[in-house]
N, C-alpha and C. Protein backbone atom coordinates (compact mmCIF):
# COMPACT_ATOMS: atom_id res chain seq x y z
N MET A 1 -14.39 1.03 15.26
CA MET A 1 -14.89 0.60 16.55
C MET A 1 -14.85 1.79 17.51
N THR A 2 -15.89 1.94 18.25
CA THR A 2 -16.01 2.99 19.26
C THR A 2 -16.35 2.31 20.57
N SER A 3 -15.89 2.88 21.68
CA SER A 3 -16.22 2.34 22.99
C SER A 3 -17.18 3.29 23.69
N LEU A 4 -18.29 2.74 24.19
CA LEU A 4 -19.32 3.54 24.84
C LEU A 4 -19.70 2.91 26.19
N ASP A 5 -20.12 3.74 27.13
CA ASP A 5 -20.65 3.26 28.40
C ASP A 5 -22.17 3.38 28.34
N LEU A 6 -22.83 2.24 28.14
CA LEU A 6 -24.26 2.23 27.87
C LEU A 6 -25.09 1.62 28.99
N ASP A 7 -24.45 1.06 30.00
CA ASP A 7 -25.15 0.21 30.96
C ASP A 7 -26.20 0.91 31.81
N GLU A 8 -26.11 2.22 31.99
CA GLU A 8 -27.10 2.93 32.82
C GLU A 8 -28.33 3.38 32.04
N ILE A 9 -28.33 3.15 30.74
CA ILE A 9 -29.46 3.61 29.92
C ILE A 9 -30.68 2.75 30.21
N PRO A 10 -31.82 3.38 30.54
CA PRO A 10 -33.04 2.60 30.82
C PRO A 10 -33.63 2.00 29.54
N VAL A 11 -34.14 0.79 29.68
CA VAL A 11 -34.86 0.13 28.60
C VAL A 11 -36.10 -0.53 29.19
N THR A 12 -37.11 -0.72 28.37
CA THR A 12 -38.35 -1.37 28.80
C THR A 12 -38.59 -2.57 27.91
N LEU A 13 -38.70 -3.73 28.53
CA LEU A 13 -38.98 -4.94 27.77
C LEU A 13 -40.40 -4.91 27.22
N ILE A 14 -40.65 -5.74 26.23
CA ILE A 14 -41.93 -5.73 25.54
C ILE A 14 -43.10 -6.04 26.48
N ASP A 15 -42.82 -6.74 27.59
CA ASP A 15 -43.88 -7.04 28.57
C ASP A 15 -44.08 -5.91 29.58
N GLY A 16 -43.32 -4.81 29.42
CA GLY A 16 -43.47 -3.65 30.29
C GLY A 16 -42.48 -3.57 31.44
N ARG A 17 -41.69 -4.63 31.64
CA ARG A 17 -40.70 -4.60 32.74
C ARG A 17 -39.60 -3.60 32.41
N GLN A 18 -39.31 -2.71 33.38
CA GLN A 18 -38.28 -1.71 33.18
C GLN A 18 -36.97 -2.19 33.78
N THR A 19 -35.89 -1.91 33.08
CA THR A 19 -34.56 -2.29 33.53
C THR A 19 -33.57 -1.32 32.89
N THR A 20 -32.32 -1.70 32.85
CA THR A 20 -31.30 -0.91 32.15
C THR A 20 -30.58 -1.83 31.18
N PHE A 21 -29.88 -1.22 30.24
CA PHE A 21 -29.08 -1.98 29.28
C PHE A 21 -28.04 -2.82 30.03
N GLY A 22 -27.68 -2.38 31.22
CA GLY A 22 -26.71 -3.08 32.04
C GLY A 22 -27.19 -4.44 32.55
N GLU A 23 -28.48 -4.74 32.41
CA GLU A 23 -28.95 -6.08 32.80
C GLU A 23 -28.16 -7.16 32.06
N TRP A 24 -27.68 -6.84 30.88
CA TRP A 24 -26.93 -7.79 30.07
C TRP A 24 -25.44 -7.44 30.06
N SER A 25 -25.00 -6.67 31.05
CA SER A 25 -23.59 -6.28 31.16
C SER A 25 -22.72 -7.52 31.24
N GLY A 26 -21.56 -7.45 30.63
CA GLY A 26 -20.64 -8.58 30.63
C GLY A 26 -20.90 -9.56 29.50
N LYS A 27 -22.01 -9.39 28.81
CA LYS A 27 -22.33 -10.26 27.68
C LYS A 27 -21.97 -9.56 26.37
N VAL A 28 -21.85 -10.35 25.33
CA VAL A 28 -21.77 -9.82 23.98
C VAL A 28 -23.22 -9.58 23.57
N ARG A 29 -23.57 -8.33 23.22
CA ARG A 29 -24.95 -7.95 22.94
C ARG A 29 -25.09 -7.48 21.50
N LEU A 30 -25.99 -8.11 20.77
CA LEU A 30 -26.28 -7.68 19.41
C LEU A 30 -27.61 -6.94 19.42
N VAL A 31 -27.53 -5.62 19.31
CA VAL A 31 -28.71 -4.74 19.35
C VAL A 31 -29.19 -4.54 17.92
N VAL A 32 -30.48 -4.83 17.69
CA VAL A 32 -31.04 -4.75 16.34
C VAL A 32 -32.40 -4.05 16.39
N ASN A 33 -32.58 -3.03 15.55
CA ASN A 33 -33.92 -2.43 15.41
C ASN A 33 -34.69 -3.29 14.41
N VAL A 34 -35.74 -3.91 14.90
CA VAL A 34 -36.48 -4.90 14.12
C VAL A 34 -37.84 -4.35 13.68
N ALA A 35 -38.40 -5.01 12.67
CA ALA A 35 -39.73 -4.66 12.17
C ALA A 35 -40.37 -5.91 11.59
N SER A 36 -41.65 -6.07 11.81
CA SER A 36 -42.36 -7.30 11.45
C SER A 36 -42.81 -7.38 10.00
N ARG A 37 -42.85 -6.24 9.31
CA ARG A 37 -43.39 -6.23 7.94
C ARG A 37 -42.39 -5.63 6.97
N CYS A 38 -41.16 -6.04 7.06
CA CYS A 38 -40.06 -5.50 6.26
C CYS A 38 -39.50 -6.63 5.39
N GLY A 39 -38.92 -6.27 4.26
CA GLY A 39 -38.28 -7.28 3.42
C GLY A 39 -37.13 -7.98 4.11
N LEU A 40 -36.57 -7.35 5.15
CA LEU A 40 -35.47 -7.95 5.90
C LEU A 40 -35.94 -8.76 7.10
N THR A 41 -37.25 -8.84 7.33
CA THR A 41 -37.79 -9.55 8.49
C THR A 41 -37.32 -10.99 8.59
N PRO A 42 -37.05 -11.71 7.49
CA PRO A 42 -36.53 -13.07 7.62
C PRO A 42 -35.19 -13.15 8.39
N GLN A 43 -34.54 -12.01 8.62
CA GLN A 43 -33.33 -12.03 9.44
C GLN A 43 -33.63 -12.50 10.86
N TYR A 44 -34.90 -12.44 11.28
CA TYR A 44 -35.26 -12.96 12.60
C TYR A 44 -34.78 -14.40 12.78
N ALA A 45 -34.89 -15.21 11.73
CA ALA A 45 -34.47 -16.61 11.82
C ALA A 45 -32.98 -16.72 12.14
N ARG A 46 -32.17 -15.88 11.51
CA ARG A 46 -30.72 -15.91 11.75
C ARG A 46 -30.38 -15.32 13.11
N LEU A 47 -31.13 -14.31 13.54
CA LEU A 47 -30.92 -13.76 14.88
C LEU A 47 -31.21 -14.83 15.93
N GLU A 48 -32.31 -15.54 15.76
CA GLU A 48 -32.67 -16.59 16.71
C GLU A 48 -31.65 -17.73 16.68
N ALA A 49 -31.12 -18.05 15.50
CA ALA A 49 -30.09 -19.09 15.42
C ALA A 49 -28.84 -18.68 16.19
N LEU A 50 -28.44 -17.41 16.09
CA LEU A 50 -27.30 -16.92 16.88
C LEU A 50 -27.60 -17.02 18.37
N GLN A 51 -28.81 -16.63 18.76
CA GLN A 51 -29.21 -16.70 20.17
C GLN A 51 -29.11 -18.14 20.66
N HIS A 52 -29.60 -19.06 19.86
CA HIS A 52 -29.58 -20.48 20.23
C HIS A 52 -28.15 -21.00 20.32
N GLN A 53 -27.31 -20.62 19.37
CA GLN A 53 -25.94 -21.12 19.32
C GLN A 53 -25.06 -20.56 20.44
N TYR A 54 -25.21 -19.26 20.74
CA TYR A 54 -24.28 -18.60 21.66
C TYR A 54 -24.92 -18.12 22.96
N GLY A 55 -26.23 -18.23 23.09
CA GLY A 55 -26.94 -17.70 24.25
C GLY A 55 -26.46 -18.24 25.58
N GLY A 56 -26.05 -19.49 25.64
CA GLY A 56 -25.55 -20.07 26.87
C GLY A 56 -24.10 -19.78 27.16
N ARG A 57 -23.48 -19.02 26.26
CA ARG A 57 -22.04 -18.76 26.38
C ARG A 57 -21.72 -17.29 26.63
N GLY A 58 -22.73 -16.48 26.98
CA GLY A 58 -22.44 -15.08 27.27
C GLY A 58 -22.79 -14.13 26.15
N PHE A 59 -23.78 -14.49 25.34
CA PHE A 59 -24.21 -13.68 24.21
C PHE A 59 -25.72 -13.50 24.28
N THR A 60 -26.22 -12.36 23.80
CA THR A 60 -27.67 -12.21 23.62
C THR A 60 -27.96 -11.24 22.49
N VAL A 61 -29.02 -11.54 21.78
CA VAL A 61 -29.61 -10.59 20.84
C VAL A 61 -30.59 -9.76 21.65
N LEU A 62 -30.69 -8.48 21.37
CA LEU A 62 -31.68 -7.60 21.98
C LEU A 62 -32.44 -6.91 20.86
N GLY A 63 -33.72 -7.24 20.72
CA GLY A 63 -34.54 -6.69 19.65
C GLY A 63 -35.27 -5.44 20.09
N PHE A 64 -35.16 -4.40 19.30
CA PHE A 64 -35.83 -3.12 19.56
C PHE A 64 -36.77 -2.81 18.40
N PRO A 65 -38.04 -3.21 18.51
CA PRO A 65 -38.99 -2.89 17.44
C PRO A 65 -39.10 -1.37 17.24
N SER A 66 -39.23 -1.01 15.98
CA SER A 66 -39.40 0.41 15.67
C SER A 66 -40.33 0.53 14.46
N ASN A 67 -41.19 1.52 14.52
CA ASN A 67 -42.08 1.78 13.40
C ASN A 67 -41.66 3.04 12.64
N GLN A 68 -40.43 3.47 12.80
CA GLN A 68 -40.01 4.69 12.13
C GLN A 68 -39.98 4.56 10.62
N PHE A 69 -39.92 3.32 10.12
CA PHE A 69 -39.93 3.10 8.69
C PHE A 69 -41.28 2.53 8.25
N LEU A 70 -42.27 2.65 9.15
CA LEU A 70 -43.67 2.30 8.89
C LEU A 70 -43.85 0.84 8.50
N GLN A 71 -43.13 -0.05 9.20
CA GLN A 71 -43.21 -1.48 8.89
C GLN A 71 -43.35 -2.34 10.14
N GLU A 72 -43.84 -1.77 11.23
CA GLU A 72 -44.02 -2.52 12.47
C GLU A 72 -45.48 -2.46 12.90
N PHE A 73 -45.93 -3.51 13.56
CA PHE A 73 -47.30 -3.56 14.08
C PHE A 73 -47.51 -2.48 15.12
N GLY A 74 -48.78 -2.17 15.40
CA GLY A 74 -49.13 -1.10 16.30
C GLY A 74 -48.96 -1.42 17.77
N SER A 75 -49.14 -2.66 18.18
CA SER A 75 -49.09 -2.97 19.61
C SER A 75 -47.95 -3.93 19.93
N GLU A 76 -47.43 -3.78 21.13
CA GLU A 76 -46.39 -4.68 21.60
C GLU A 76 -46.90 -6.12 21.65
N ARG A 77 -48.15 -6.28 22.02
CA ARG A 77 -48.73 -7.63 22.11
C ARG A 77 -48.70 -8.33 20.74
N LYS A 78 -49.07 -7.59 19.71
CA LYS A 78 -49.08 -8.16 18.36
C LYS A 78 -47.64 -8.46 17.90
N ILE A 79 -46.71 -7.56 18.21
CA ILE A 79 -45.31 -7.77 17.85
C ILE A 79 -44.79 -9.04 18.54
N ALA A 80 -45.00 -9.14 19.84
CA ALA A 80 -44.51 -10.29 20.60
C ALA A 80 -45.11 -11.59 20.08
N GLY A 81 -46.41 -11.59 19.81
CA GLY A 81 -47.07 -12.78 19.31
C GLY A 81 -46.54 -13.19 17.95
N TYR A 82 -46.38 -12.22 17.07
CA TYR A 82 -45.86 -12.49 15.73
C TYR A 82 -44.45 -13.07 15.81
N CYS A 83 -43.58 -12.46 16.60
CA CYS A 83 -42.19 -12.91 16.68
C CYS A 83 -42.09 -14.32 17.25
N ALA A 84 -42.88 -14.62 18.27
CA ALA A 84 -42.86 -15.95 18.87
C ALA A 84 -43.43 -16.99 17.92
N ALA A 85 -44.60 -16.71 17.33
CA ALA A 85 -45.28 -17.69 16.50
C ALA A 85 -44.60 -17.90 15.15
N THR A 86 -44.11 -16.83 14.54
CA THR A 86 -43.56 -16.93 13.19
C THR A 86 -42.08 -17.29 13.19
N TRP A 87 -41.32 -16.74 14.13
CA TRP A 87 -39.87 -16.92 14.11
C TRP A 87 -39.32 -17.66 15.33
N GLY A 88 -40.16 -17.98 16.30
CA GLY A 88 -39.69 -18.68 17.50
C GLY A 88 -38.73 -17.87 18.34
N VAL A 89 -38.91 -16.55 18.34
CA VAL A 89 -37.98 -15.66 19.04
C VAL A 89 -37.98 -15.94 20.54
N THR A 90 -36.79 -16.15 21.08
CA THR A 90 -36.61 -16.35 22.52
C THR A 90 -35.74 -15.26 23.14
N PHE A 91 -35.08 -14.44 22.30
CA PHE A 91 -34.21 -13.40 22.84
C PHE A 91 -35.06 -12.23 23.35
N PRO A 92 -34.50 -11.42 24.24
CA PRO A 92 -35.26 -10.30 24.81
C PRO A 92 -35.68 -9.30 23.73
N MET A 93 -36.96 -8.93 23.80
CA MET A 93 -37.52 -7.91 22.92
C MET A 93 -37.95 -6.73 23.78
N MET A 94 -37.73 -5.53 23.29
CA MET A 94 -38.07 -4.32 24.01
C MET A 94 -39.39 -3.75 23.48
N ARG A 95 -39.89 -2.76 24.19
CA ARG A 95 -41.02 -1.99 23.68
C ARG A 95 -40.58 -1.23 22.45
N LYS A 96 -41.54 -0.83 21.62
CA LYS A 96 -41.21 -0.06 20.42
C LYS A 96 -40.48 1.22 20.80
N VAL A 97 -39.49 1.56 19.98
CA VAL A 97 -38.69 2.76 20.21
C VAL A 97 -38.55 3.54 18.91
N ARG A 98 -38.17 4.79 19.07
CA ARG A 98 -37.74 5.60 17.94
C ARG A 98 -36.23 5.49 17.86
N VAL A 99 -35.70 5.26 16.66
CA VAL A 99 -34.26 5.10 16.49
C VAL A 99 -33.60 6.32 15.88
N ASN A 100 -34.41 7.26 15.42
CA ASN A 100 -33.90 8.49 14.80
C ASN A 100 -34.69 9.69 15.31
N GLY A 101 -34.12 10.86 15.12
CA GLY A 101 -34.83 12.09 15.44
C GLY A 101 -34.65 12.55 16.88
N ARG A 102 -35.30 13.65 17.16
CA ARG A 102 -35.19 14.29 18.49
C ARG A 102 -35.64 13.38 19.61
N ASN A 103 -36.66 12.58 19.37
CA ASN A 103 -37.23 11.74 20.43
C ASN A 103 -36.75 10.29 20.37
N ARG A 104 -35.61 10.07 19.74
CA ARG A 104 -35.12 8.69 19.65
C ARG A 104 -34.72 8.20 21.04
N HIS A 105 -34.74 6.90 21.18
CA HIS A 105 -34.39 6.27 22.44
C HIS A 105 -32.95 6.63 22.81
N PRO A 106 -32.66 6.86 24.10
CA PRO A 106 -31.30 7.24 24.51
C PRO A 106 -30.22 6.24 24.08
N LEU A 107 -30.55 4.96 24.03
CA LEU A 107 -29.56 3.98 23.58
C LEU A 107 -29.18 4.25 22.13
N TYR A 108 -30.17 4.52 21.30
CA TYR A 108 -29.89 4.79 19.89
C TYR A 108 -29.23 6.16 19.70
N ALA A 109 -29.47 7.09 20.59
CA ALA A 109 -28.76 8.37 20.52
C ALA A 109 -27.26 8.14 20.67
N GLU A 110 -26.89 7.21 21.54
CA GLU A 110 -25.47 6.87 21.73
C GLU A 110 -24.94 6.02 20.59
N LEU A 111 -25.68 4.97 20.23
CA LEU A 111 -25.21 4.06 19.20
C LEU A 111 -25.02 4.75 17.85
N ALA A 112 -25.83 5.76 17.56
CA ALA A 112 -25.75 6.46 16.28
C ALA A 112 -24.40 7.13 16.06
N SER A 113 -23.64 7.35 17.12
CA SER A 113 -22.33 7.99 16.98
C SER A 113 -21.27 7.04 16.42
N VAL A 114 -21.59 5.75 16.39
CA VAL A 114 -20.63 4.74 15.93
C VAL A 114 -20.66 4.65 14.41
N SER A 115 -19.49 4.55 13.81
CA SER A 115 -19.38 4.40 12.35
C SER A 115 -19.36 2.93 11.97
N ASP A 116 -19.94 2.62 10.81
CA ASP A 116 -19.86 1.25 10.30
C ASP A 116 -18.54 1.08 9.55
N ASN A 117 -18.37 -0.08 8.89
CA ASN A 117 -17.09 -0.34 8.22
C ASN A 117 -16.88 0.53 6.99
N GLU A 118 -17.90 1.26 6.57
CA GLU A 118 -17.76 2.20 5.46
C GLU A 118 -17.58 3.64 5.97
N GLY A 119 -17.47 3.79 7.29
CA GLY A 119 -17.27 5.11 7.87
C GLY A 119 -18.53 5.92 8.09
N ARG A 120 -19.70 5.29 7.90
CA ARG A 120 -20.97 5.99 8.07
C ARG A 120 -21.44 5.92 9.52
N SER A 121 -21.76 7.07 10.07
CA SER A 121 -22.36 7.14 11.41
C SER A 121 -23.63 7.97 11.28
N GLY A 122 -24.24 8.28 12.40
CA GLY A 122 -25.45 9.09 12.35
C GLY A 122 -26.69 8.23 12.31
N ARG A 123 -27.73 8.78 11.74
CA ARG A 123 -29.06 8.15 11.79
C ARG A 123 -29.04 6.70 11.32
N VAL A 124 -29.93 5.93 11.92
CA VAL A 124 -30.15 4.55 11.50
C VAL A 124 -30.80 4.60 10.13
N ARG A 125 -30.26 3.86 9.19
CA ARG A 125 -30.71 3.95 7.80
C ARG A 125 -31.95 3.12 7.50
N TRP A 126 -32.15 2.00 8.20
CA TRP A 126 -33.28 1.13 7.88
C TRP A 126 -33.44 0.12 8.99
N ASN A 127 -34.49 -0.68 8.90
CA ASN A 127 -34.72 -1.77 9.85
C ASN A 127 -33.55 -2.76 9.79
N PHE A 128 -33.31 -3.41 10.91
CA PHE A 128 -32.30 -4.46 11.03
C PHE A 128 -30.87 -3.96 10.93
N GLU A 129 -30.64 -2.69 11.28
CA GLU A 129 -29.27 -2.22 11.46
C GLU A 129 -28.77 -2.86 12.76
N LYS A 130 -27.51 -3.26 12.78
CA LYS A 130 -26.98 -4.04 13.90
C LYS A 130 -25.84 -3.32 14.59
N PHE A 131 -25.85 -3.38 15.92
CA PHE A 131 -24.78 -2.83 16.75
C PHE A 131 -24.33 -3.95 17.67
N LEU A 132 -23.10 -4.40 17.50
CA LEU A 132 -22.55 -5.44 18.36
C LEU A 132 -21.77 -4.76 19.48
N VAL A 133 -22.28 -4.90 20.71
CA VAL A 133 -21.69 -4.27 21.88
C VAL A 133 -20.92 -5.34 22.65
N LEU A 134 -19.61 -5.18 22.72
CA LEU A 134 -18.76 -6.17 23.39
C LEU A 134 -18.68 -5.87 24.89
N PRO A 135 -18.29 -6.85 25.68
CA PRO A 135 -18.26 -6.65 27.14
C PRO A 135 -17.40 -5.47 27.60
N ASP A 136 -16.37 -5.10 26.83
CA ASP A 136 -15.52 -3.98 27.22
C ASP A 136 -16.09 -2.63 26.77
N GLY A 137 -17.29 -2.63 26.17
CA GLY A 137 -17.92 -1.40 25.72
C GLY A 137 -17.66 -1.05 24.27
N ALA A 138 -16.79 -1.81 23.61
CA ALA A 138 -16.53 -1.57 22.19
C ALA A 138 -17.80 -1.86 21.40
N VAL A 139 -18.09 -1.01 20.41
CA VAL A 139 -19.30 -1.16 19.60
C VAL A 139 -18.91 -1.22 18.13
N HIS A 140 -19.47 -2.21 17.43
CA HIS A 140 -19.27 -2.37 16.00
C HIS A 140 -20.63 -2.24 15.33
N ARG A 141 -20.70 -1.48 14.25
CA ARG A 141 -21.96 -1.21 13.57
C ARG A 141 -21.98 -1.91 12.21
N PHE A 142 -23.13 -2.50 11.89
CA PHE A 142 -23.30 -3.23 10.63
C PHE A 142 -24.58 -2.78 9.95
N SER A 143 -24.53 -2.67 8.64
CA SER A 143 -25.67 -2.20 7.85
C SER A 143 -26.84 -3.17 7.93
N PRO A 144 -28.03 -2.70 7.61
CA PRO A 144 -29.21 -3.57 7.62
C PRO A 144 -29.06 -4.79 6.72
N ASN A 145 -28.39 -4.66 5.60
CA ASN A 145 -28.25 -5.79 4.68
C ASN A 145 -27.18 -6.79 5.10
N THR A 146 -26.39 -6.47 6.09
CA THR A 146 -25.43 -7.44 6.62
C THR A 146 -26.22 -8.45 7.43
N VAL A 147 -26.15 -9.71 7.03
CA VAL A 147 -26.93 -10.74 7.72
C VAL A 147 -26.35 -10.97 9.12
N PRO A 148 -27.20 -11.35 10.07
CA PRO A 148 -26.74 -11.52 11.45
C PRO A 148 -25.59 -12.51 11.63
N ASP A 149 -25.55 -13.54 10.77
CA ASP A 149 -24.48 -14.54 10.89
C ASP A 149 -23.35 -14.30 9.89
N ASP A 150 -23.20 -13.05 9.47
CA ASP A 150 -22.07 -12.67 8.63
C ASP A 150 -20.77 -13.10 9.33
N PRO A 151 -19.80 -13.61 8.61
CA PRO A 151 -18.55 -14.06 9.24
C PRO A 151 -17.87 -13.00 10.11
N ARG A 152 -17.99 -11.72 9.75
CA ARG A 152 -17.38 -10.66 10.58
C ARG A 152 -18.05 -10.57 11.94
N ILE A 153 -19.38 -10.69 11.96
CA ILE A 153 -20.12 -10.63 13.22
C ILE A 153 -19.81 -11.87 14.06
N VAL A 154 -19.86 -13.04 13.43
CA VAL A 154 -19.60 -14.29 14.15
C VAL A 154 -18.20 -14.29 14.74
N ALA A 155 -17.20 -13.83 13.98
CA ALA A 155 -15.82 -13.78 14.49
C ALA A 155 -15.72 -12.87 15.70
N LEU A 156 -16.37 -11.71 15.67
CA LEU A 156 -16.35 -10.81 16.83
C LEU A 156 -17.03 -11.45 18.04
N ILE A 157 -18.15 -12.13 17.80
CA ILE A 157 -18.85 -12.81 18.90
C ILE A 157 -17.92 -13.86 19.51
N GLU A 158 -17.39 -14.73 18.67
CA GLU A 158 -16.56 -15.83 19.18
C GLU A 158 -15.31 -15.33 19.87
N ASP A 159 -14.69 -14.29 19.31
CA ASP A 159 -13.47 -13.73 19.93
C ASP A 159 -13.76 -13.04 21.27
N SER A 160 -15.01 -12.67 21.52
CA SER A 160 -15.35 -11.92 22.73
C SER A 160 -15.99 -12.76 23.81
N LEU A 161 -16.30 -14.01 23.51
CA LEU A 161 -16.88 -14.87 24.53
C LEU A 161 -15.81 -15.32 25.51
N PRO A 162 -16.20 -15.58 26.76
CA PRO A 162 -15.21 -16.02 27.75
C PRO A 162 -14.50 -17.30 27.28
N GLU A 163 -13.22 -17.39 27.62
CA GLU A 163 -12.44 -18.58 27.30
C GLU A 163 -13.08 -19.82 27.92
N GLY A 164 -13.15 -20.87 27.14
CA GLY A 164 -13.67 -22.13 27.65
C GLY A 164 -15.18 -22.15 27.85
N ALA A 165 -15.88 -21.08 27.47
CA ALA A 165 -17.34 -21.07 27.64
C ALA A 165 -17.96 -22.05 26.65
N GLU A 166 -18.82 -22.87 27.12
CA GLU A 166 -19.49 -23.85 26.25
C GLU A 166 -20.97 -23.79 26.45
């Protein structure tokens, strides 16, 4: 686990509204680089289930579409339409970003420094890599193949939600 101060980093929602990562400050945030045409795309259903289960209690999924692995649609409009129609996505989605390389998004430049439970840090390996950012700034990293409702992720979410939140 690593602790990072990420709240001042600018982000742009898929509809073009600009804000900062701090818009969701104080919440448990699950940051996921998503793609619409990947073998892991069915994880959208589990991400949305987490959003539905915990969204009213201080949790949110934040989807960051990326085409760095050549599996995302070309336009934000098509991405948004696909996610809503196919998976019923209600959690905030951002504009497409680069998650690796010199021009990667500043949020991913910071998140890449975090090691997963196998001690791996650095570049994002594939679509649906997960970063759970807790309200105190602690960050936990999970591999793309770790499902969103993995017991380790759920335990961290539940342990980090405000007491008595329903």
